Amino acid sequence: YKAIGTTLAGLSQCGAWGCFDEFNRIDISVLSVISTQLQTIRSALMMKLERFTFEGVEINLDSKVGIFITMNPGYAGRTELPESVKALFRPVVCIVPDLEMICMISLFSDGFLESKTLAKKMTVLYKLAREQLSKQYHYDWGLRALNAVLRMAGVLKRASPDIKEALVLMRALRDMNHPKFVYDDVPLFLGLIRDLFPGMDCPRVGYPDFNAAVEQVLSQDNYIVLHHQVDKVVQLYETMMTRHSTMLVGPTGGGKTVVINALAKAQTVLGLPTKINTLNPKACSVIELYGIL
């Protein structure tokens, strides 16, 4: 709330408009404090004050200030806004986004000439996956997941402009989604891709040196070298190249720590020294873990 309070104070003094995206991701205890801050600004505006006291400090008030919030109650991990916060804002409801149109425009902007056809296939694939694959807490078939695939497709398109566009999108869809599936869902998803991209074969990108390093590390640590575990290390490697942060999900004894350690040691073998710092999240505050604005 201190970071948001600083932002609100700045907006109030310079008369700017601020939009707090996905406001309902904030913890409920923090929202109650922020509602008091917003009420202070609102009261000062209604009284047409030129200066007012905010968080114990007297500051200027520019009447042109505007504060907006967006929220997506449909996503997991969101909290219900308190009535004290709801009362300060006028609600505006937006319709469900046209995913196909968004995909088409994004693909076209990345140079895909077949953007209309590919956008249709992309949205149909996600619709079928949502309906036919198992329900897992970490599965996300919304706009955010589509955007990640679109970004990956754009990178691949620029890196390999001579490859067929359908093949580029097919690879992006497979590589960005495959690592997150539970074992039983992998053949189902790959089957959906084959149905939507018939007659096309998209072999995985090979990392012969990296694979050899992973197998060497696993053997040195007296583990049995399993193909699917080596593949999981490669998937983690690819995911970390395209995402800011990565979460490994699985049962106790499933091999999560082995995969992380194997990746770090394999990179070290290949001349990229990698150090792992293990933190207990419950031993740190959120600010200590993620920093502060």
Protein backbone atom coordinates (compact mmCIF):
# COMPACT_ATOMS: atom_id res chain seq x y z
CA TYR A 1 0.00 0.00 0.00
CA LYS A 2 3.00 2.32 0.46
CA ALA A 3 3.99 1.89 -3.19
CA ILE A 4 0.44 2.55 -4.39
CA GLY A 5 0.12 5.46 -1.94
CA THR A 6 3.24 7.04 -3.46
CA THR A 7 1.74 6.63 -6.94
CA LEU A 8 -1.59 8.13 -5.85
CA ALA A 9 0.19 11.10 -4.28
CA GLY A 10 2.10 11.70 -7.52
CA LEU A 11 -1.06 11.48 -9.64
CA SER A 12 -2.86 13.92 -7.35
CA GLN A 13 -0.09 16.50 -7.57
CA CYS A 14 0.47 16.41 -11.33
CA GLY A 15 -3.14 15.94 -12.42
CA ALA A 16 -2.42 12.80 -14.41
CA TRP A 17 -4.73 9.87 -15.03
CA GLY A 18 -3.66 6.52 -13.61
CA CYS A 19 -5.03 3.06 -14.39
CA PHE A 20 -4.30 0.23 -11.95
CA ASP A 21 -4.45 -2.98 -13.98
CA GLU A 22 -6.02 -6.09 -12.41
CA PHE A 23 -6.66 -4.23 -9.17
CA ASN A 24 -8.34 -7.22 -7.53
CA ARG A 25 -5.03 -9.13 -7.42
CA ILE A 26 -4.06 -6.99 -4.41
CA ASP A 27 -4.40 -8.65 -1.01
CA ILE A 28 -7.69 -7.88 0.75
CA SER A 29 -5.94 -6.37 3.79
CA VAL A 30 -4.05 -3.94 1.54
CA LEU A 31 -7.22 -3.04 -0.38
CA SER A 32 -8.82 -1.72 2.81
CA VAL A 33 -5.90 0.68 3.34
CA ILE A 34 -5.99 1.79 -0.31
CA SER A 35 -9.72 2.49 -0.05
CA THR A 36 -8.96 4.99 2.72
CA GLN A 37 -6.33 6.67 0.53
CA LEU A 38 -8.77 6.90 -2.38
CA GLN A 39 -11.49 8.27 -0.13
CA THR A 40 -9.11 11.00 1.06
CA ILE A 41 -8.41 12.09 -2.53
CA ARG A 42 -12.11 11.94 -3.46
CA SER A 43 -13.12 14.06 -0.47
CA ALA A 44 -10.48 16.67 -1.34
CA LEU A 45 -11.76 16.81 -4.93
CA MET A 46 -15.38 17.22 -3.82
CA MET A 47 -14.35 20.07 -1.51
CA LYS A 48 -12.37 21.67 -4.39
CA LEU A 49 -9.26 21.96 -2.23
CA GLU A 50 -5.93 23.09 -3.67
CA ARG A 51 -3.93 21.41 -0.90
CA PHE A 52 -4.82 18.48 1.33
CA THR A 53 -3.21 16.07 3.77
CA PHE A 54 -2.40 12.65 2.33
CA GLU A 55 -0.72 9.97 4.45
CA GLY A 56 0.37 12.60 6.97
CA VAL A 57 1.92 14.93 4.38
CA GLU A 58 0.33 18.10 2.98
CA ILE A 59 0.48 18.05 -0.83
CA ASN A 60 -0.96 19.99 -3.77
CA LEU A 61 -4.08 18.74 -5.54
CA ASP A 62 -4.65 19.11 -9.27
CA SER A 63 -8.37 18.73 -9.98
CA LYS A 64 -7.66 17.05 -13.34
CA VAL A 65 -6.46 13.86 -11.60
CA GLY A 66 -8.25 10.67 -12.63
CA ILE A 67 -7.96 7.21 -11.10
CA PHE A 68 -9.18 4.07 -12.85
CA ILE A 69 -8.94 0.35 -12.14
CA THR A 70 -9.39 -2.79 -14.22
CA MET A 71 -10.28 -6.20 -12.84
CA ASN A 72 -10.81 -9.70 -14.17
CA PRO A 73 -12.91 -11.67 -11.67
CA GLY A 74 -12.86 -14.77 -13.88
CA TYR A 75 -9.18 -15.56 -13.31
CA ALA A 76 -7.94 -17.68 -10.42
CA GLY A 77 -6.25 -15.97 -7.50
CA ARG A 78 -8.37 -12.82 -7.59
CA THR A 79 -10.09 -11.32 -4.55
CA GLU A 80 -13.52 -9.74 -4.32
CA LEU A 81 -13.29 -5.95 -3.99
CA PRO A 82 -14.58 -4.59 -0.66
CA GLU A 83 -17.75 -2.51 -0.83
CA SER A 84 -15.74 0.49 0.42
CA VAL A 85 -13.63 0.31 -2.77
CA LYS A 86 -16.52 -0.46 -5.13
CA ALA A 87 -18.38 2.63 -3.93
CA LEU A 88 -15.53 4.88 -5.12
CA PHE A 89 -15.67 3.76 -8.76
CA ARG A 90 -18.27 3.75 -11.50
CA PRO A 91 -18.36 0.25 -13.05
CA VAL A 92 -18.03 -0.27 -16.79
CA VAL A 93 -18.50 -3.82 -18.05
CA CYS A 94 -16.61 -4.97 -21.15
CA ILE A 95 -17.69 -7.81 -23.41
CA VAL A 96 -15.63 -10.97 -23.86
CA PRO A 97 -12.68 -10.16 -26.16
CA ASP A 98 -12.78 -11.41 -29.73
CA LEU A 99 -9.82 -13.76 -29.43
CA GLU A 100 -9.77 -14.61 -33.13
CA MET A 101 -9.59 -10.94 -34.14
CA ILE A 102 -6.84 -10.24 -31.58
CA CYS A 103 -4.80 -13.21 -32.84
CA MET A 104 -5.29 -12.21 -36.47
CA ILE A 105 -4.11 -8.64 -35.90
CA SER A 106 -1.13 -9.76 -33.81
CA LEU A 107 -0.06 -12.35 -36.39
CA PHE A 108 -0.50 -9.87 -39.25
CA SER A 109 1.63 -7.30 -37.41
CA ASP A 110 4.37 -9.95 -37.11
CA GLY A 111 4.35 -10.49 -40.87
CA PHE A 112 2.09 -13.56 -41.17
CA LEU A 113 0.33 -13.34 -44.55
CA GLU A 114 -2.05 -16.20 -43.63
CA SER A 115 -3.01 -14.51 -40.36
CA LYS A 116 -6.78 -14.97 -40.78
CA THR A 117 -6.59 -18.74 -41.32
CA LEU A 118 -3.95 -19.26 -38.63
CA ALA A 119 -5.87 -17.17 -36.08
CA LYS A 120 -8.94 -19.36 -36.63
CA LYS A 121 -6.91 -22.54 -36.09
CA MET A 122 -5.27 -21.09 -33.00
CA THR A 123 -8.52 -20.13 -31.27
CA VAL A 124 -10.21 -23.42 -32.25
CA LEU A 125 -7.26 -25.35 -30.76
CA TYR A 126 -7.56 -23.53 -27.44
CA LYS A 127 -11.33 -24.02 -27.39
CA LEU A 128 -10.98 -27.77 -27.99
CA ALA A 129 -8.16 -28.05 -25.46
CA ARG A 130 -10.28 -26.30 -22.83
CA GLU A 131 -13.14 -28.72 -23.47
CA GLN A 132 -11.30 -32.02 -23.97
CA LEU A 133 -8.20 -31.91 -21.77
CA SER A 134 -8.31 -32.60 -18.05
CA LYS A 135 -9.05 -29.77 -15.65
CA GLN A 136 -5.83 -28.70 -13.94
CA TYR A 137 -5.40 -25.70 -11.67
CA HIS A 138 -2.35 -24.46 -13.59
CA TYR A 139 -3.93 -24.72 -17.06
CA ASP A 140 -4.75 -21.35 -18.62
CA TRP A 141 -6.56 -21.11 -21.95
CA GLY A 142 -7.30 -17.40 -21.79
CA LEU A 143 -5.99 -14.34 -23.58
CA ARG A 144 -2.77 -14.21 -21.55
CA ALA A 145 -1.78 -17.71 -22.70
CA LEU A 146 -2.63 -16.84 -26.30
CA ASN A 147 -0.48 -13.71 -26.11
CA ALA A 148 2.50 -15.76 -24.93
CA VAL A 149 2.15 -18.05 -27.97
CA LEU A 150 1.75 -15.05 -30.29
CA ARG A 151 4.97 -13.50 -28.95
CA MET A 152 6.80 -16.79 -29.45
CA ALA A 153 5.41 -17.13 -32.99
CA GLY A 154 6.64 -13.62 -33.82
CA VAL A 155 10.14 -14.44 -32.56
CA LEU A 156 10.24 -17.67 -34.58
CA LYS A 157 8.93 -15.91 -37.69
CA ARG A 158 11.66 -13.28 -37.55
CA ALA A 159 14.33 -15.91 -36.89
CA SER A 160 13.21 -18.19 -39.75
CA PRO A 161 11.38 -16.09 -42.37
CA ASP A 162 11.64 -18.84 -45.02
CA ILE A 163 9.77 -21.51 -43.04
CA LYS A 164 6.05 -22.03 -43.79
CA GLU A 165 3.87 -19.84 -41.57
CA ALA A 166 1.65 -22.73 -40.46
CA LEU A 167 4.75 -24.64 -39.35
CA VAL A 168 5.99 -21.64 -37.35
CA LEU A 169 2.67 -21.30 -35.49
CA MET A 170 2.42 -25.05 -35.00
CA ARG A 171 5.83 -25.10 -33.33
CA ALA A 172 4.98 -22.10 -31.11
CA LEU A 173 1.71 -23.72 -30.00
CA ARG A 174 3.43 -27.00 -29.21
CA ASP A 175 6.57 -25.67 -27.51
CA MET A 176 4.74 -23.10 -25.36
CA ASN A 177 2.09 -25.56 -24.12
CA HIS A 178 3.74 -28.99 -24.03
CA PRO A 179 5.81 -28.43 -20.84
CA LYS A 180 2.76 -27.59 -18.70
CA PHE A 181 0.67 -30.68 -19.50
CA VAL A 182 0.19 -33.62 -17.20
CA TYR A 183 1.35 -36.88 -18.78
CA ASP A 184 -2.07 -38.10 -20.00
CA ASP A 185 -2.90 -34.81 -21.74
CA VAL A 186 0.21 -34.71 -23.96
CA PRO A 187 -1.01 -37.18 -26.65
CA LEU A 188 -4.47 -35.55 -26.63
CA PHE A 189 -3.04 -32.09 -27.28
CA LEU A 190 -0.61 -33.31 -29.93
CA GLY A 191 -3.54 -35.10 -31.59
CA LEU A 192 -5.51 -31.84 -31.70
CA ILE A 193 -2.55 -30.10 -33.33
CA ARG A 194 -2.26 -32.86 -35.95
CA ASP A 195 -5.98 -32.53 -36.73
CA LEU A 196 -5.73 -28.75 -37.22
CA PHE A 197 -2.45 -28.89 -39.13
CA PRO A 198 -2.90 -32.08 -41.21
CA GLY A 199 0.02 -33.49 -43.15
CA MET A 200 2.56 -31.31 -41.34
CA ASP A 201 5.46 -32.61 -39.30
CA CYS A 202 7.28 -30.29 -36.93
CA PRO A 203 10.27 -31.99 -35.30
CA ARG A 204 11.50 -30.62 -32.00
CA VAL A 205 14.48 -28.29 -32.12
CA GLY A 206 17.55 -30.37 -31.32
CA TYR A 207 20.12 -29.45 -28.66
CA PRO A 208 22.64 -32.31 -29.08
CA ASP A 209 25.36 -30.70 -26.94
CA PHE A 210 22.88 -29.71 -24.24
CA ASN A 211 21.23 -33.15 -24.18
CA ALA A 212 24.65 -34.81 -23.90
CA ALA A 213 25.55 -32.51 -20.99
CA VAL A 214 22.27 -33.33 -19.19
CA GLU A 215 22.83 -37.08 -19.61
CA GLN A 216 26.43 -36.68 -18.39
CA VAL A 217 25.28 -34.81 -15.27
CA LEU A 218 22.55 -37.34 -14.46
CA SER A 219 25.01 -40.24 -14.86
CA GLN A 220 27.58 -38.53 -12.62
CA ASP A 221 24.91 -38.12 -9.92
CA ASN A 222 24.11 -41.86 -10.19
CA TYR A 223 20.65 -41.37 -11.69
CA ILE A 224 19.18 -43.63 -14.35
CA VAL A 225 19.04 -41.59 -17.56
CA LEU A 226 15.40 -41.51 -18.69
CA HIS A 227 14.42 -39.96 -22.01
CA HIS A 228 11.34 -38.19 -20.67
CA GLN A 229 13.31 -36.68 -17.77
CA VAL A 230 16.01 -35.37 -20.13
CA ASP A 231 13.17 -33.98 -22.26
CA LYS A 232 11.73 -32.24 -19.19
CA VAL A 233 15.08 -30.54 -18.53
CA VAL A 234 15.08 -29.34 -22.15
CA GLN A 235 11.50 -28.07 -21.74
CA LEU A 236 12.50 -26.13 -18.62
CA TYR A 237 15.44 -24.66 -20.55
CA GLU A 238 13.16 -23.58 -23.42
CA THR A 239 10.52 -22.18 -21.07
CA MET A 240 13.07 -20.06 -19.20
CA MET A 241 14.18 -18.55 -22.51
CA THR A 242 10.66 -17.22 -23.18
CA ARG A 243 9.26 -16.47 -19.71
CA HIS A 244 10.31 -14.11 -16.92
CA SER A 245 9.61 -16.71 -14.26
CA THR A 246 8.90 -20.43 -14.26
CA MET A 247 7.08 -22.70 -11.81
CA LEU A 248 7.68 -26.45 -11.59
CA VAL A 249 4.53 -28.27 -10.47
CA GLY A 250 4.43 -31.92 -9.42
CA PRO A 251 4.08 -34.35 -6.52
CA THR A 252 6.71 -34.99 -3.85
CA GLY A 253 9.43 -37.22 -5.28
CA GLY A 254 8.40 -36.40 -8.84
CA GLY A 255 11.86 -35.14 -9.81
CA LYS A 256 11.41 -31.36 -9.72
CA THR A 257 14.64 -30.70 -7.79
CA VAL A 258 16.58 -33.17 -9.95
CA VAL A 259 15.41 -31.35 -13.11
CA ILE A 260 16.44 -27.94 -11.73
CA ASN A 261 19.83 -29.18 -10.53
CA ALA A 262 20.47 -31.04 -13.79
CA LEU A 263 19.76 -27.88 -15.79
CA ALA A 264 22.12 -25.79 -13.64
CA LYS A 265 24.93 -28.36 -13.80
CA ALA A 266 24.48 -28.93 -17.55
CA GLN A 267 24.76 -25.21 -18.20
CA THR A 268 27.91 -25.13 -16.07
CA VAL A 269 29.38 -28.01 -18.11
CA LEU A 270 28.67 -26.00 -21.28
CA GLY A 271 30.57 -22.98 -19.95
CA LEU A 272 27.65 -21.06 -18.43
CA PRO A 273 28.23 -21.24 -14.65
CA THR A 274 24.83 -21.39 -12.94
CA LYS A 275 24.28 -20.95 -9.21
CA ILE A 276 21.06 -21.90 -7.42
CA ASN A 277 19.92 -19.91 -4.38
CA THR A 278 17.22 -21.75 -2.43
CA LEU A 279 14.77 -19.59 -0.49
CA ASN A 280 11.96 -20.58 1.84
CA PRO A 281 9.18 -18.18 0.78
CA LYS A 282 7.57 -18.33 4.22
CA ALA A 283 10.81 -17.05 5.76
CA CYS A 284 10.71 -13.87 3.63
CA SER A 285 8.22 -11.07 3.28
CA VAL A 286 6.69 -10.36 -0.13
CA ILE A 287 8.84 -7.21 -0.38
CA GLU A 288 12.01 -9.20 0.38
CA LEU A 289 11.09 -11.76 -2.29
CA TYR A 290 9.95 -9.48 -5.10
CA GLY A 291 11.20 -6.01 -4.16
CA ILE A 292 9.19 -2.79 -3.98
CA LEU A 293 8.26 -0.13 -6.51
